Amino acid sequence: MPDLLRVRSKDWLSGYMDLTGAVVIPPRFPDAGFFDDRGFAVVKLERHGEADCGYIDRTGRIVIKPRFRDAWHFAKCGLAAVKVGTREPYRYGYIGTKGRTAIKPRFEKAHHFDDEGMAIVAIDGKQGCIDTKGDIVVEPRFDGMWSFSKNGAAKVIADSKRFFIDRAGRTVLKPRFESFMPFDGAGLSCIVSRGKRGYMDISGRAVIPPRFDEAIPFSECGLANVMVGDRWGYIDTSGDWAIPPRFEDCTGINGTGMAIVQTGGKWGCIGASGNMVIEVVYDDIEFTDSDRALLVRKDGKKGYVTTEGRWIGDYVVS
């Protein structure tokens, strides 16, 4: 499906343009989200002083009428979390792609379903997981819970203790480090020990010993951005430098193999091998919902460029 980029009007309404710079859905929504794989986007309409959320298709046609206090994009399983109610306490449930209730709104919080068909929900102040039928599969007993990683482990908090569980809710790892993050796309968890950062595997062993001043989770490509002194670079899963530290700041490498980097106070983009793909000339750069476009700002002007650096169009449209 063609990529659509979010734009704003001068009075701050939201719409969409395509990669040629043509506005295909004129700005008329107080807010608008990205289009998911099913071609739906969440939009907000002001009604009676409150924002009601619904869904549009890629032509701008409303396909699910705005009636939710808040709403999120559809998961692979075809369900989307929605927030309902006219006043506190609000409740969360799930709808199908026709807008019909699939799981009744009975939760205090509800998160996106993962690819395995599990979603984190809150009941009576505790978090656990449900399946796509709405049945409890991990009993809500945690004070905090993160999404399951690809290795099947999720970080949780209970009684001020942090540890990992599997999809059945069983404890699989109690790390010994001062701090640690959820497991990343490479199956590693960023850890902190004596003020330095490194990485552990699912066994709890520090496979990359803590020696970095800052460290970010590994991207799907197997590289992680880390800082030594005042410079950032990228390491591989062996802990060896893949791109030596030479940047003032940087992001992780995204799904298309690009990272945003800063040198000399300006921003550009590199590829996974460290090659420059977008010249370092911008005052700011952001990844977008499209794999083929970036949002940039230069000399007070904000707009979109392709991943090859070609100008697409202004972010604020007439």
C-alpha atoms as a PDB file:
ATOM      1  CA  MET A   1       0.000   0.000   0.000  1.00  0.00           C
ATOM      2  CA  PRO A   2       1.265   3.533  -0.765  1.00  0.00           C
ATOM      3  CA  ASP A   3       2.817   5.339   2.191  1.00  0.00           C
ATOM      4  CA  LEU A   4       0.893   8.224   3.723  1.00  0.00           C
ATOM      5  CA  LEU A   5       2.584  10.878   5.844  1.00  0.00           C
ATOM      6  CA  ARG A   6       0.862  12.936   8.525  1.00  0.00           C
ATOM      7  CA  VAL A   7       0.679  16.686   7.933  1.00  0.00           C
ATOM      8  CA  ARG A   8      -0.783  19.661   9.797  1.00  0.00           C
ATOM      9  CA  SER A   9      -2.701  22.718   8.677  1.00  0.00           C
ATOM     10  CA  LYS A  10      -1.884  26.197   9.980  1.00  0.00           C
ATOM     11  CA  ASP A  11      -4.757  25.870  12.466  1.00  0.00           C
ATOM     12  CA  TRP A  12      -3.249  22.540  13.603  1.00  0.00           C
ATOM     13  CA  LEU A  13      -5.660  20.037  12.068  1.00  0.00           C
ATOM     14  CA  SER A  14      -4.239  16.727  10.817  1.00  0.00           C
ATOM     15  CA  GLY A  15      -4.322  15.113   7.375  1.00  0.00           C
ATOM     16  CA  TYR A  16      -2.074  13.082   5.081  1.00  0.00           C
ATOM     17  CA  MET A  17       0.168  13.473   2.035  1.00  0.00           C
ATOM     18  CA  ASP A  18       1.687  10.809  -0.200  1.00  0.00           C
ATOM     19  CA  LEU A  19       5.346  10.417  -1.144  1.00  0.00           C
ATOM     20  CA  THR A  20       4.955  12.792  -4.099  1.00  0.00           C
ATOM     21  CA  GLY A  21       3.988  15.599  -1.713  1.00  0.00           C
ATOM     22  CA  ALA A  22       0.342  15.610  -2.776  1.00  0.00           C
ATOM     23  CA  VAL A  23      -2.164  16.073   0.056  1.00  0.00           C
ATOM     24  CA  VAL A  24      -4.527  13.109  -0.366  1.00  0.00           C
ATOM     25  CA  ILE A  25      -6.549  13.501   2.866  1.00  0.00           C
ATOM     26  CA  PRO A  26      -6.973  17.219   3.637  1.00  0.00           C
ATOM     27  CA  PRO A  27      -6.347  18.228   7.277  1.00  0.00           C
ATOM     28  CA  ARG A  28      -9.658  18.114   9.138  1.00  0.00           C
ATOM     29  CA  PHE A  29      -8.970  16.014  12.244  1.00  0.00           C
ATOM     30  CA  PRO A  30      -7.835  17.430  15.619  1.00  0.00           C
ATOM     31  CA  ASP A  31      -5.412  14.505  15.718  1.00  0.00           C
ATOM     32  CA  ALA A  32      -4.588  11.505  13.525  1.00  0.00           C
ATOM     33  CA  GLY A  33      -2.412   8.418  13.887  1.00  0.00           C
ATOM     34  CA  PHE A  34      -0.479   6.229  11.479  1.00  0.00           C
ATOM     35  CA  PHE A  35      -2.041   3.713   9.093  1.00  0.00           C
ATOM     36  CA  ASP A  36      -1.655   0.108  10.220  1.00  0.00           C
ATOM     37  CA  ASP A  37      -1.184  -2.956   8.017  1.00  0.00           C
ATOM     38  CA  ARG A  38      -4.958  -3.204   7.548  1.00  0.00           C
ATOM     39  CA  GLY A  39      -5.124   0.324   6.169  1.00  0.00           C
ATOM     40  CA  PHE A  40      -6.822   1.850   9.236  1.00  0.00           C
ATOM     41  CA  ALA A  41      -5.743   4.937  11.178  1.00  0.00           C
ATOM     42  CA  VAL A  42      -7.075   6.282  14.472  1.00  0.00           C
ATOM     43  CA  VAL A  43      -8.428   9.842  14.262  1.00  0.00           C
ATOM     44  CA  LYS A  44      -9.893  12.167  16.863  1.00  0.00           C
ATOM     45  CA  LEU A  45     -12.919  14.398  16.467  1.00  0.00           C
ATOM     46  CA  GLU A  46     -13.925  17.050  18.994  1.00  0.00           C
ATOM     47  CA  ARG A  47     -17.466  16.455  20.189  1.00  0.00           C
ATOM     48  CA  HIS A  48     -19.043  18.423  23.033  1.00  0.00           C
ATOM     49  CA  GLY A  49     -15.636  19.572  24.182  1.00  0.00           C
ATOM     50  CA  GLU A  50     -14.213  16.048  24.326  1.00  0.00           C
ATOM     51  CA  ALA A  51     -12.156  14.095  21.802  1.00  0.00           C
ATOM     52  CA  ASP A  52     -13.893  11.000  20.436  1.00  0.00           C
ATOM     53  CA  CYS A  53     -11.741   8.486  18.564  1.00  0.00           C
ATOM     54  CA  GLY A  54     -12.659   6.439  15.523  1.00  0.00           C
ATOM     55  CA  TYR A  55     -10.972   4.959  12.458  1.00  0.00           C
ATOM     56  CA  ILE A  56     -10.577   6.034   8.833  1.00  0.00           C
ATOM     57  CA  ASP A  57      -9.374   4.149   5.765  1.00  0.00           C
ATOM     58  CA  ARG A  58      -6.698   5.342   3.353  1.00  0.00           C
ATOM     59  CA  THR A  59      -9.207   7.468   1.419  1.00  0.00           C
ATOM     60  CA  GLY A  60     -10.134   9.400   4.561  1.00  0.00           C
ATOM     61  CA  ARG A  61     -13.533   7.701   4.870  1.00  0.00           C
ATOM     62  CA  ILE A  62     -14.661   6.999   8.422  1.00  0.00           C
ATOM     63  CA  VAL A  63     -14.994   3.210   8.739  1.00  0.00           C
ATOM     64  CA  ILE A  64     -15.519   2.969  12.519  1.00  0.00           C
ATOM     65  CA  LYS A  65     -17.496   5.877  13.940  1.00  0.00           C
ATOM     66  CA  PRO A  66     -15.785   8.014  16.586  1.00  0.00           C
ATOM     67  CA  ARG A  67     -17.216   6.890  19.918  1.00  0.00           C
ATOM     68  CA  PHE A  68     -14.193   5.947  22.010  1.00  0.00           C
ATOM     69  CA  ARG A  69     -12.414   8.052  24.585  1.00  0.00           C
ATOM     70  CA  ASP A  70      -9.154   6.759  23.144  1.00  0.00           C
ATOM     71  CA  ALA A  71      -8.186   4.033  20.673  1.00  0.00           C
ATOM     72  CA  TRP A  72      -5.121   2.242  19.352  1.00  0.00           C
ATOM     73  CA  HIS A  73      -4.151   0.551  16.097  1.00  0.00           C
ATOM     74  CA  PHE A  74      -5.164  -2.998  15.215  1.00  0.00           C
ATOM     75  CA  ALA A  75      -2.911  -5.887  16.125  1.00  0.00           C
ATOM     76  CA  LYS A  76      -2.029  -8.842  13.905  1.00  0.00           C
ATOM     77  CA  CYS A  77      -4.912 -10.788  15.509  1.00  0.00           C
ATOM     78  CA  GLY A  78      -7.408  -8.170  14.292  1.00  0.00           C
ATOM     79  CA  LEU A  79      -8.172  -6.616  17.689  1.00  0.00           C
ATOM     80  CA  ALA A  80      -7.591  -3.064  18.883  1.00  0.00           C
ATOM     81  CA  ALA A  81      -7.636  -1.705  22.433  1.00  0.00           C
ATOM     82  CA  VAL A  82     -10.152   1.078  23.140  1.00  0.00           C
ATOM     83  CA  LYS A  83     -10.926   3.279  26.132  1.00  0.00           C
ATOM     84  CA  VAL A  84     -14.588   3.926  26.931  1.00  0.00           C
ATOM     85  CA  GLY A  85     -16.665   5.933  29.387  1.00  0.00           C
ATOM     86  CA  THR A  86     -17.711   9.534  29.899  1.00  0.00           C
ATOM     87  CA  ARG A  87     -15.935  10.036  33.222  1.00  0.00           C
ATOM     88  CA  GLU A  88     -13.556   8.331  35.632  1.00  0.00           C
ATOM     89  CA  PRO A  89     -13.079   5.472  36.139  1.00  0.00           C
ATOM     90  CA  TYR A  90     -12.676   4.716  32.446  1.00  0.00           C
ATOM     91  CA  ARG A  91     -12.548   1.128  31.242  1.00  0.00           C
ATOM     92  CA  TYR A  92     -10.589  -0.593  28.480  1.00  0.00           C
ATOM     93  CA  GLY A  93     -11.626  -3.363  26.130  1.00  0.00           C
ATOM     94  CA  TYR A  94     -11.091  -4.521  22.536  1.00  0.00           C
ATOM     95  CA  ILE A  95     -12.931  -4.203  19.234  1.00  0.00           C
ATOM     96  CA  GLY A  96     -12.700  -6.046  15.921  1.00  0.00           C
ATOM     97  CA  THR A  97     -12.153  -4.465  12.523  1.00  0.00           C
ATOM     98  CA  LYS A  98     -15.901  -3.911  12.040  1.00  0.00           C
ATOM     99  CA  GLY A  99     -15.991  -1.820  15.219  1.00  0.00           C
ATOM    100  CA  ARG A 100     -17.923  -4.392  17.224  1.00  0.00           C
ATOM    101  CA  THR A 101     -16.936  -5.202  20.811  1.00  0.00           C
ATOM    102  CA  ALA A 102     -14.766  -8.337  20.881  1.00  0.00           C
ATOM    103  CA  ILE A 103     -13.698  -8.240  24.545  1.00  0.00           C
ATOM    104  CA  LYS A 104     -15.907  -6.265  26.914  1.00  0.00           C
ATOM    105  CA  PRO A 105     -14.346  -3.179  28.512  1.00  0.00           C
ATOM    106  CA  ARG A 106     -13.664  -4.394  32.022  1.00  0.00           C
ATOM    107  CA  PHE A 107      -9.993  -3.552  32.462  1.00  0.00           C
ATOM    108  CA  GLU A 108      -8.317  -0.593  34.170  1.00  0.00           C
ATOM    109  CA  LYS A 109      -5.659  -0.632  31.434  1.00  0.00           C
ATOM    110  CA  ALA A 110      -5.274  -2.653  28.241  1.00  0.00           C
ATOM    111  CA  HIS A 111      -2.291  -2.901  25.921  1.00  0.00           C
ATOM    112  CA  HIS A 112      -1.694  -3.952  22.327  1.00  0.00           C
ATOM    113  CA  PHE A 113      -1.859  -7.687  21.502  1.00  0.00           C
ATOM    114  CA  ASP A 114       1.519  -9.131  20.569  1.00  0.00           C
ATOM    115  CA  ASP A 115       2.116 -11.491  17.644  1.00  0.00           C
ATOM    116  CA  GLU A 116       1.512 -14.502  19.901  1.00  0.00           C
ATOM    117  CA  GLY A 117      -1.966 -13.256  20.809  1.00  0.00           C
ATOM    118  CA  MET A 118      -1.299 -12.039  24.360  1.00  0.00           C
ATOM    119  CA  ALA A 119      -2.013  -8.586  25.793  1.00  0.00           C
ATOM    120  CA  ILE A 120      -1.145  -6.980  29.119  1.00  0.00           C
ATOM    121  CA  VAL A 121      -4.173  -5.793  31.122  1.00  0.00           C
ATOM    122  CA  ALA A 122      -4.737  -4.348  34.593  1.00  0.00           C
ATOM    123  CA  ILE A 123      -7.368  -5.558  37.075  1.00  0.00           C
ATOM    124  CA  ASP A 124      -7.625  -4.230  40.644  1.00  0.00           C
ATOM    125  CA  GLY A 125      -4.331  -2.414  40.254  1.00  0.00           C
ATOM    126  CA  LYS A 126      -2.376  -5.510  39.220  1.00  0.00           C
ATOM    127  CA  GLN A 127      -1.119  -6.502  35.766  1.00  0.00           C
ATOM    128  CA  GLY A 128      -1.301  -9.808  33.935  1.00  0.00           C
ATOM    129  CA  CYS A 129      -2.167 -11.112  30.457  1.00  0.00           C
ATOM    130  CA  ILE A 130      -5.212 -12.201  28.469  1.00  0.00           C
ATOM    131  CA  ASP A 131      -5.579 -14.117  25.216  1.00  0.00           C
ATOM    132  CA  THR A 132      -7.643 -13.030  22.204  1.00  0.00           C
ATOM    133  CA  LYS A 133     -10.796 -14.527  23.768  1.00  0.00           C
ATOM    134  CA  GLY A 134     -10.374 -12.305  26.801  1.00  0.00           C
ATOM    135  CA  ASP A 135      -9.431 -15.192  29.078  1.00  0.00           C
ATOM    136  CA  ILE A 136      -6.754 -14.666  31.729  1.00  0.00           C
ATOM    137  CA  VAL A 137      -3.564 -16.558  30.828  1.00  0.00           C
ATOM    138  CA  VAL A 138      -1.151 -14.843  33.246  1.00  0.00           C
ATOM    139  CA  GLU A 139      -2.842 -14.015  36.528  1.00  0.00           C
ATOM    140  CA  PRO A 140      -2.825 -10.257  37.292  1.00  0.00           C
ATOM    141  CA  ARG A 141      -0.462 -10.143  40.264  1.00  0.00           C
ATOM    142  CA  PHE A 142       2.304  -7.806  39.127  1.00  0.00           C
ATOM    143  CA  ASP A 143       2.813  -4.149  40.003  1.00  0.00           C
ATOM    144  CA  GLY A 144       4.485  -3.574  36.637  1.00  0.00           C
ATOM    145  CA  MET A 145       4.864  -5.609  33.456  1.00  0.00           C
ATOM    146  CA  TRP A 146       6.601  -5.201  30.117  1.00  0.00           C
ATOM    147  CA  SER A 147       5.777  -6.918  26.831  1.00  0.00           C
ATOM    148  CA  PHE A 148       7.132 -10.386  26.119  1.00  0.00           C
ATOM    149  CA  SER A 149      10.328 -10.441  24.090  1.00  0.00           C
ATOM    150  CA  LYS A 150      10.994 -12.806  21.217  1.00  0.00           C
ATOM    151  CA  ASN A 151      12.716 -15.208  23.619  1.00  0.00           C
ATOM    152  CA  GLY A 152       9.410 -15.539  25.502  1.00  0.00           C
ATOM    153  CA  ALA A 153      10.475 -13.630  28.630  1.00  0.00           C
ATOM    154  CA  ALA A 154       8.802 -10.557  30.110  1.00  0.00           C
ATOM    155  CA  LYS A 155      10.190  -8.248  32.777  1.00  0.00           C
ATOM    156  CA  VAL A 156       7.857  -7.795  35.757  1.00  0.00           C
ATOM    157  CA  ILE A 157       7.755  -6.083  39.159  1.00  0.00           C
ATOM    158  CA  ALA A 158       6.213  -7.647  42.262  1.00  0.00           C
ATOM    159  CA  ASP A 159       6.784  -6.586  45.879  1.00  0.00           C
ATOM    160  CA  SER A 160       9.455  -4.111  44.686  1.00  0.00           C
ATOM    161  CA  LYS A 161      11.427  -6.962  43.080  1.00  0.00           C
ATOM    162  CA  ARG A 162      12.222  -7.115  39.375  1.00  0.00           C
ATOM    163  CA  PHE A 163      12.563 -10.402  37.501  1.00  0.00           C
ATOM    164  CA  PHE A 164      11.499 -12.260  34.334  1.00  0.00           C
ATOM    165  CA  ILE A 165       8.590 -14.640  33.701  1.00  0.00           C
ATOM    166  CA  ASP A 166       7.622 -16.864  30.774  1.00  0.00           C
ATOM    167  CA  ARG A 167       4.275 -16.859  28.946  1.00  0.00           C
ATOM    168  CA  ALA A 168       2.827 -19.220  31.546  1.00  0.00           C
ATOM    169  CA  GLY A 169       3.669 -16.738  34.309  1.00  0.00           C
ATOM    170  CA  ARG A 170       6.503 -18.833  35.754  1.00  0.00           C
ATOM    171  CA  THR A 171       9.671 -17.133  37.005  1.00  0.00           C
ATOM    172  CA  VAL A 172      12.561 -17.878  34.639  1.00  0.00           C
ATOM    173  CA  LEU A 173      15.270 -15.425  35.741  1.00  0.00           C
ATOM    174  CA  LYS A 174      16.154 -13.305  38.777  1.00  0.00           C
ATOM    175  CA  PRO A 175      19.100 -11.188  37.596  1.00  0.00           C
ATOM    176  CA  ARG A 176      21.770 -10.156  40.092  1.00  0.00           C
ATOM    177  CA  PHE A 177      22.533  -6.783  38.527  1.00  0.00           C
ATOM    178  CA  GLU A 178      21.681  -3.319  39.877  1.00  0.00           C
ATOM    179  CA  SER A 179      19.360  -2.620  36.968  1.00  0.00           C
ATOM    180  CA  PHE A 180      18.306  -4.310  33.747  1.00  0.00           C
ATOM    181  CA  MET A 181      15.989  -3.775  30.808  1.00  0.00           C
ATOM    182  CA  PRO A 182      13.585  -6.097  28.943  1.00  0.00           C
ATOM    183  CA  PHE A 183      15.216  -8.447  26.436  1.00  0.00           C
ATOM    184  CA  ASP A 184      15.740  -6.901  23.011  1.00  0.00           C
ATOM    185  CA  GLY A 185      15.528  -8.137  19.427  1.00  0.00           C
ATOM    186  CA  ALA A 186      18.862  -9.932  19.769  1.00  0.00           C
ATOM    187  CA  GLY A 187      17.755 -11.778  22.920  1.00  0.00           C
ATOM    188  CA  LEU A 188      19.944  -9.670  25.211  1.00  0.00           C
ATOM    189  CA  SER A 189      19.104  -7.397  28.133  1.00  0.00           C
ATOM    190  CA  CYS A 190      20.952  -4.168  28.861  1.00  0.00           C
ATOM    191  CA  ILE A 191      22.323  -4.255  32.433  1.00  0.00           C
ATOM    192  CA  VAL A 192      23.950  -1.832  34.883  1.00  0.00           C
ATOM    193  CA  SER A 193      26.721  -2.842  37.287  1.00  0.00           C
ATOM    194  CA  ARG A 194      28.864  -0.379  39.256  1.00  0.00           C
ATOM    195  CA  GLY A 195      27.735   2.453  37.024  1.00  0.00           C
ATOM    196  CA  LYS A 196      28.727   0.754  33.750  1.00  0.00           C
ATOM    197  CA  ARG A 197      26.467  -0.801  31.093  1.00  0.00           C
ATOM    198  CA  GLY A 198      26.676  -4.179  29.417  1.00  0.00           C
ATOM    199  CA  TYR A 199      24.375  -7.000  28.289  1.00  0.00           C
ATOM    200  CA  MET A 200      23.203 -10.351  29.673  1.00  0.00           C
ATOM    201  CA  ASP A 201      21.530 -13.339  28.003  1.00  0.00           C
ATOM    202  CA  ILE A 202      18.490 -15.329  29.172  1.00  0.00           C
ATOM    203  CA  SER A 203      20.683 -17.329  31.572  1.00  0.00           C
ATOM    204  CA  GLY A 204      21.584 -14.122  33.419  1.00  0.00           C
ATOM    205  CA  ARG A 205      25.229 -14.248  32.333  1.00  0.00           C
ATOM    206  CA  ALA A 206      26.914 -10.995  31.299  1.00  0.00           C
ATOM    207  CA  VAL A 207      27.861 -11.951  27.740  1.00  0.00           C
ATOM    208  CA  ILE A 208      29.055  -8.397  27.113  1.00  0.00           C
ATOM    209  CA  PRO A 209      30.659  -7.220  30.366  1.00  0.00           C
ATOM    210  CA  PRO A 210      29.606  -3.782  31.679  1.00  0.00           C
ATOM    211  CA  ARG A 211      32.135  -1.286  30.338  1.00  0.00           C
ATOM    212  CA  PHE A 212      30.060   1.379  28.572  1.00  0.00           C
ATOM    213  CA  ASP A 213      28.893   4.724  29.961  1.00  0.00           C
ATOM    214  CA  GLU A 214      25.521   4.386  28.212  1.00  0.00           C
ATOM    215  CA  ALA A 215      23.961   1.524  26.289  1.00  0.00           C
ATOM    216  CA  ILE A 216      20.752   1.058  24.296  1.00  0.00           C
ATOM    217  CA  PRO A 217      19.008  -2.268  23.463  1.00  0.00           C
ATOM    218  CA  PHE A 218      20.073  -4.124  20.320  1.00  0.00           C
ATOM    219  CA  SER A 219      18.159  -3.539  17.103  1.00  0.00           C
ATOM    220  CA  GLU A 220      16.863  -6.396  14.968  1.00  0.00           C
ATOM    221  CA  CYS A 221      19.957  -6.052  12.778  1.00  0.00           C
ATOM    222  CA  GLY A 222      22.173  -7.113  15.694  1.00  0.00           C
ATOM    223  CA  LEU A 223      23.772  -3.744  16.481  1.00  0.00           C
ATOM    224  CA  ALA A 224      23.400  -1.589  19.592  1.00  0.00           C
ATOM    225  CA  ASN A 225      24.395   2.032  20.116  1.00  0.00           C
ATOM    226  CA  VAL A 226      26.653   2.569  23.133  1.00  0.00           C
ATOM    227  CA  MET A 227      28.597   5.506  24.550  1.00  0.00           C
ATOM    228  CA  VAL A 228      32.200   5.645  25.744  1.00  0.00           C
ATOM    229  CA  GLY A 229      33.257   8.983  27.179  1.00  0.00           C
ATOM    230  CA  ASP A 230      31.311  11.562  25.189  1.00  0.00           C
ATOM    231  CA  ARG A 231      31.010   9.673  21.903  1.00  0.00           C
ATOM    232  CA  TRP A 232      28.527   7.104  20.605  1.00  0.00           C
ATOM    233  CA  GLY A 233      29.169   4.161  18.317  1.00  0.00           C
ATOM    234  CA  TYR A 234      27.707   0.733  17.577  1.00  0.00           C
ATOM    235  CA  ILE A 235      28.704  -2.744  18.761  1.00  0.00           C
ATOM    236  CA  ASP A 236      27.704  -6.206  17.555  1.00  0.00           C
ATOM    237  CA  THR A 237      26.386  -9.013  19.773  1.00  0.00           C
ATOM    238  CA  SER A 238      29.966 -10.087  20.535  1.00  0.00           C
ATOM    239  CA  GLY A 239      30.664  -6.668  22.020  1.00  0.00           C
ATOM    240  CA  ASP A 240      33.058  -5.704  19.219  1.00  0.00           C
ATOM    241  CA  TRP A 241      32.883  -2.305  17.551  1.00  0.00           C
ATOM    242  CA  ALA A 242      30.925  -2.425  14.292  1.00  0.00           C
ATOM    243  CA  ILE A 243      30.935   1.378  13.928  1.00  0.00           C
ATOM    244  CA  PRO A 244      33.583   3.131  16.078  1.00  0.00           C
ATOM    245  CA  PRO A 245      32.393   5.822  18.529  1.00  0.00           C
ATOM    246  CA  ARG A 246      32.463   9.153  16.719  1.00  0.00           C
ATOM    247  CA  PHE A 247      28.970  10.613  17.127  1.00  0.00           C
ATOM    248  CA  GLU A 248      27.726  13.209  19.611  1.00  0.00           C
ATOM    249  CA  ASP A 249      24.371  11.428  19.723  1.00  0.00           C
ATOM    250  CA  CYS A 250      22.547   8.752  17.756  1.00  0.00           C
ATOM    251  CA  THR A 251      19.505   6.504  17.611  1.00  0.00           C
ATOM    252  CA  GLY A 252      19.298   2.769  17.278  1.00  0.00           C
ATOM    253  CA  ILE A 253      19.269   1.317  13.778  1.00  0.00           C
ATOM    254  CA  ASN A 254      15.696   0.987  12.507  1.00  0.00           C
ATOM    255  CA  GLY A 255      14.064  -1.762  10.484  1.00  0.00           C
ATOM    256  CA  THR A 256      15.349  -0.373   7.194  1.00  0.00           C
ATOM    257  CA  GLY A 257      18.971  -0.350   8.385  1.00  0.00           C
ATOM    258  CA  MET A 258      19.272   3.379   9.058  1.00  0.00           C
ATOM    259  CA  ALA A 259      20.232   5.356  12.153  1.00  0.00           C
ATOM    260  CA  ILE A 260      20.013   9.070  12.902  1.00  0.00           C
ATOM    261  CA  VAL A 261      23.335  10.549  14.061  1.00  0.00           C
ATOM    262  CA  GLN A 262      24.624  13.915  15.240  1.00  0.00           C
ATOM    263  CA  THR A 263      28.010  15.460  14.553  1.00  0.00           C
ATOM    264  CA  GLY A 264      28.979  19.120  14.844  1.00  0.00           C
ATOM    265  CA  GLY A 265      25.541  19.908  16.256  1.00  0.00           C
ATOM    266  CA  LYS A 266      23.803  18.786  13.036  1.00  0.00           C
ATOM    267  CA  TRP A 267      21.900  15.627  12.174  1.00  0.00           C
ATOM    268  CA  GLY A 268      22.057  13.119   9.332  1.00  0.00           C
ATOM    269  CA  CYS A 269      21.664   9.378   8.742  1.00  0.00           C
ATOM    270  CA  ILE A 270      24.002   6.414   8.371  1.00  0.00           C
ATOM    271  CA  GLY A 271      23.507   2.853   7.192  1.00  0.00           C
ATOM    272  CA  ALA A 272      24.228  -0.264   9.253  1.00  0.00           C
ATOM    273  CA  SER A 273      27.795  -0.365   7.925  1.00  0.00           C
ATOM    274  CA  GLY A 274      28.439   3.222   9.032  1.00  0.00           C
ATOM    275  CA  ASN A 275      28.126   4.701   5.550  1.00  0.00           C
ATOM    276  CA  MET A 276      26.543   8.146   5.314  1.00  0.00           C
ATOM    277  CA  VAL A 277      23.142   8.022   3.575  1.00  0.00           C
ATOM    278  CA  ILE A 278      21.691  11.428   4.544  1.00  0.00           C
ATOM    279  CA  GLU A 279      24.098  14.341   4.770  1.00  0.00           C
ATOM    280  CA  VAL A 280      24.635  15.788   8.256  1.00  0.00           C
ATOM    281  CA  VAL A 281      23.052  19.194   7.599  1.00  0.00           C
ATOM    282  CA  TYR A 282      19.731  19.192   9.476  1.00  0.00           C
ATOM    283  CA  ASP A 283      18.788  20.835  12.760  1.00  0.00           C
ATOM    284  CA  ASP A 284      16.613  17.835  13.589  1.00  0.00           C
ATOM    285  CA  ILE A 285      15.572  14.490  12.045  1.00  0.00           C
ATOM    286  CA  GLU A 286      12.880  12.016  13.086  1.00  0.00           C
ATOM    287  CA  PHE A 287      11.912   8.593  11.815  1.00  0.00           C
ATOM    288  CA  THR A 288       8.319   8.423  10.564  1.00  0.00           C
ATOM    289  CA  ASP A 289       5.659   5.752  10.130  1.00  0.00           C
ATOM    290  CA  SER A 290       6.980   5.219   6.599  1.00  0.00           C
ATOM    291  CA  ASP A 291      10.120   3.220   5.837  1.00  0.00           C
ATOM    292  CA  ARG A 292      10.750   5.591   2.937  1.00  0.00           C
ATOM    293  CA  ALA A 293      10.501   9.041   4.529  1.00  0.00           C
ATOM    294  CA  LEU A 294      12.057  11.126   7.306  1.00  0.00           C
ATOM    295  CA  LEU A 295      10.775  14.256   9.039  1.00  0.00           C
ATOM    296  CA  VAL A 296      13.458  16.959   9.035  1.00  0.00           C
ATOM    297  CA  ARG A 297      13.916  20.545  10.205  1.00  0.00           C
ATOM    298  CA  LYS A 298      16.405  23.008   8.741  1.00  0.00           C
ATOM    299  CA  ASP A 299      16.604  26.799   9.018  1.00  0.00           C
ATOM    300  CA  GLY A 300      13.178  26.912  10.648  1.00  0.00           C
ATOM    301  CA  LYS A 301      11.525  24.861   7.895  1.00  0.00           C
ATOM    302  CA  LYS A 302       9.993  21.467   8.720  1.00  0.00           C
ATOM    303  CA  GLY A 303       9.061  18.838   6.174  1.00  0.00           C
ATOM    304  CA  TYR A 304       9.620  15.373   4.749  1.00  0.00           C
ATOM    305  CA  VAL A 305      12.488  13.946   2.712  1.00  0.00           C
ATOM    306  CA  THR A 306      12.872  10.492   1.217  1.00  0.00           C
ATOM    307  CA  THR A 307      15.483   8.130   2.629  1.00  0.00           C
ATOM    308  CA  GLU A 308      17.610   9.172  -0.359  1.00  0.00           C
ATOM    309  CA  GLY A 309      17.392  12.821   0.735  1.00  0.00           C
ATOM    310  CA  ARG A 310      14.887  14.071  -1.887  1.00  0.00           C
ATOM    311  CA  TRP A 311      12.475  16.747  -0.648  1.00  0.00           C
ATOM    312  CA  ILE A 312       8.813  15.584  -0.474  1.00  0.00           C
ATOM    313  CA  GLY A 313       6.858  18.437   1.057  1.00  0.00           C
ATOM    314  CA  ASP A 314       6.208  20.745   3.996  1.00  0.00           C
ATOM    315  CA  TYR A 315       4.867  19.355   7.267  1.00  0.00           C
ATOM    316  CA  VAL A 316       2.529  22.343   7.638  1.00  0.00           C
ATOM    317  CA  VAL A 317       0.352  22.611   4.511  1.00  0.00           C
ATOM    318  CA  SER A 318      -1.938  25.327   3.224  1.00  0.00           C
END
